[in-house]
């Protein structure tokens, strides 16, 4: 049995930062889906966007206020 390297846990601030970058990437994906006129994909990305916003708000990061605006 081989030893698996342990993953370091991220702080709430690091998680919030990672999610914020992911949220921005989703914005780009959503824009491309809108240009392709793919309504289902836009809807799916929109739902993902809401879930990420919710998670950021739960973490209480300072960026949560930026998403609200």
Protein backbone atom coordinates (compact mmCIF):
# COMPACT_ATOMS: atom_id res chain seq x y z
CA UNK A 1 0.00 0.00 0.00
CA UNK A 2 1.45 3.34 -1.01
CA UNK A 3 1.13 6.44 1.09
CA UNK A 4 -1.05 9.06 -0.48
CA UNK A 5 0.19 12.60 -0.10
CA UNK A 6 -2.15 14.56 2.12
CA UNK A 7 -3.87 17.53 0.63
CA UNK A 8 -3.56 20.75 2.52
CA UNK A 9 -6.91 22.22 3.48
CA UNK A 10 -7.72 25.62 2.08
CA UNK A 11 -8.71 28.48 4.33
CA UNK A 12 -12.10 30.14 3.85
CA UNK A 13 -10.33 33.09 2.22
CA UNK A 14 -8.52 30.79 -0.24
CA UNK A 15 -11.76 28.97 -1.07
CA UNK A 16 -13.56 32.26 -1.59
CA UNK A 17 -10.79 33.50 -3.87
CA UNK A 18 -10.82 30.30 -5.93
CA UNK A 19 -14.59 30.42 -6.27
CA UNK A 20 -14.44 34.09 -7.27
CA UNK A 21 -12.04 33.25 -10.12
CA UNK A 22 -14.26 30.34 -11.12
CA UNK A 23 -17.26 32.71 -11.13
CA UNK A 24 -15.44 35.02 -13.55
CA UNK A 25 -14.64 32.08 -15.83
CA UNK A 26 -18.33 31.15 -15.79
CA UNK A 27 -19.11 34.67 -17.02
CA UNK A 28 -16.89 34.06 -20.05
CA UNK A 29 -18.51 30.67 -20.71
CA UNK A 30 -21.98 32.18 -20.40
CA UNK A 31 -21.10 34.93 -22.88
CA UNK A 32 -19.86 32.36 -25.39
CA UNK A 33 -22.99 30.25 -24.94
CA UNK A 34 -25.12 33.34 -25.56
CA UNK A 35 -23.17 34.06 -28.75
CA UNK A 36 -23.80 30.45 -29.86
CA UNK A 37 -27.50 31.03 -29.10
CA UNK A 38 -27.62 27.88 -26.96
CA UNK A 39 -30.36 28.61 -24.44
CA UNK A 40 -30.01 25.35 -22.54
CA UNK A 41 -26.29 25.91 -22.01
CA UNK A 42 -26.90 29.49 -20.88
CA UNK A 43 -29.46 28.20 -18.38
CA UNK A 44 -27.10 25.53 -17.06
CA UNK A 45 -24.23 27.98 -16.66
CA UNK A 46 -26.60 30.43 -14.98
CA UNK A 47 -27.54 27.78 -12.41
CA UNK A 48 -23.88 27.04 -11.78
CA UNK A 49 -23.26 30.75 -11.39
CA UNK A 50 -25.96 30.98 -8.70
CA UNK A 51 -24.53 28.01 -6.82
CA UNK A 52 -21.05 29.54 -6.82
CA UNK A 53 -22.45 32.90 -5.65
CA UNK A 54 -24.29 31.12 -2.84
CA UNK A 55 -21.16 29.28 -1.75
CA UNK A 56 -19.11 32.50 -1.74
CA UNK A 57 -21.78 34.19 0.36
CA UNK A 58 -21.71 31.28 2.84
CA UNK A 59 -17.95 31.59 3.16
CA UNK A 60 -18.44 35.26 3.94
CA UNK A 61 -15.58 36.45 1.80
CA UNK A 62 -15.16 40.14 1.11
CA UNK A 63 -15.85 39.40 -2.53
CA UNK A 64 -19.43 38.39 -1.73
CA UNK A 65 -20.36 42.07 -1.72
CA UNK A 66 -18.82 42.47 -5.17
CA UNK A 67 -20.99 39.68 -6.56
CA UNK A 68 -24.09 41.27 -5.10
CA UNK A 69 -23.51 44.49 -7.05
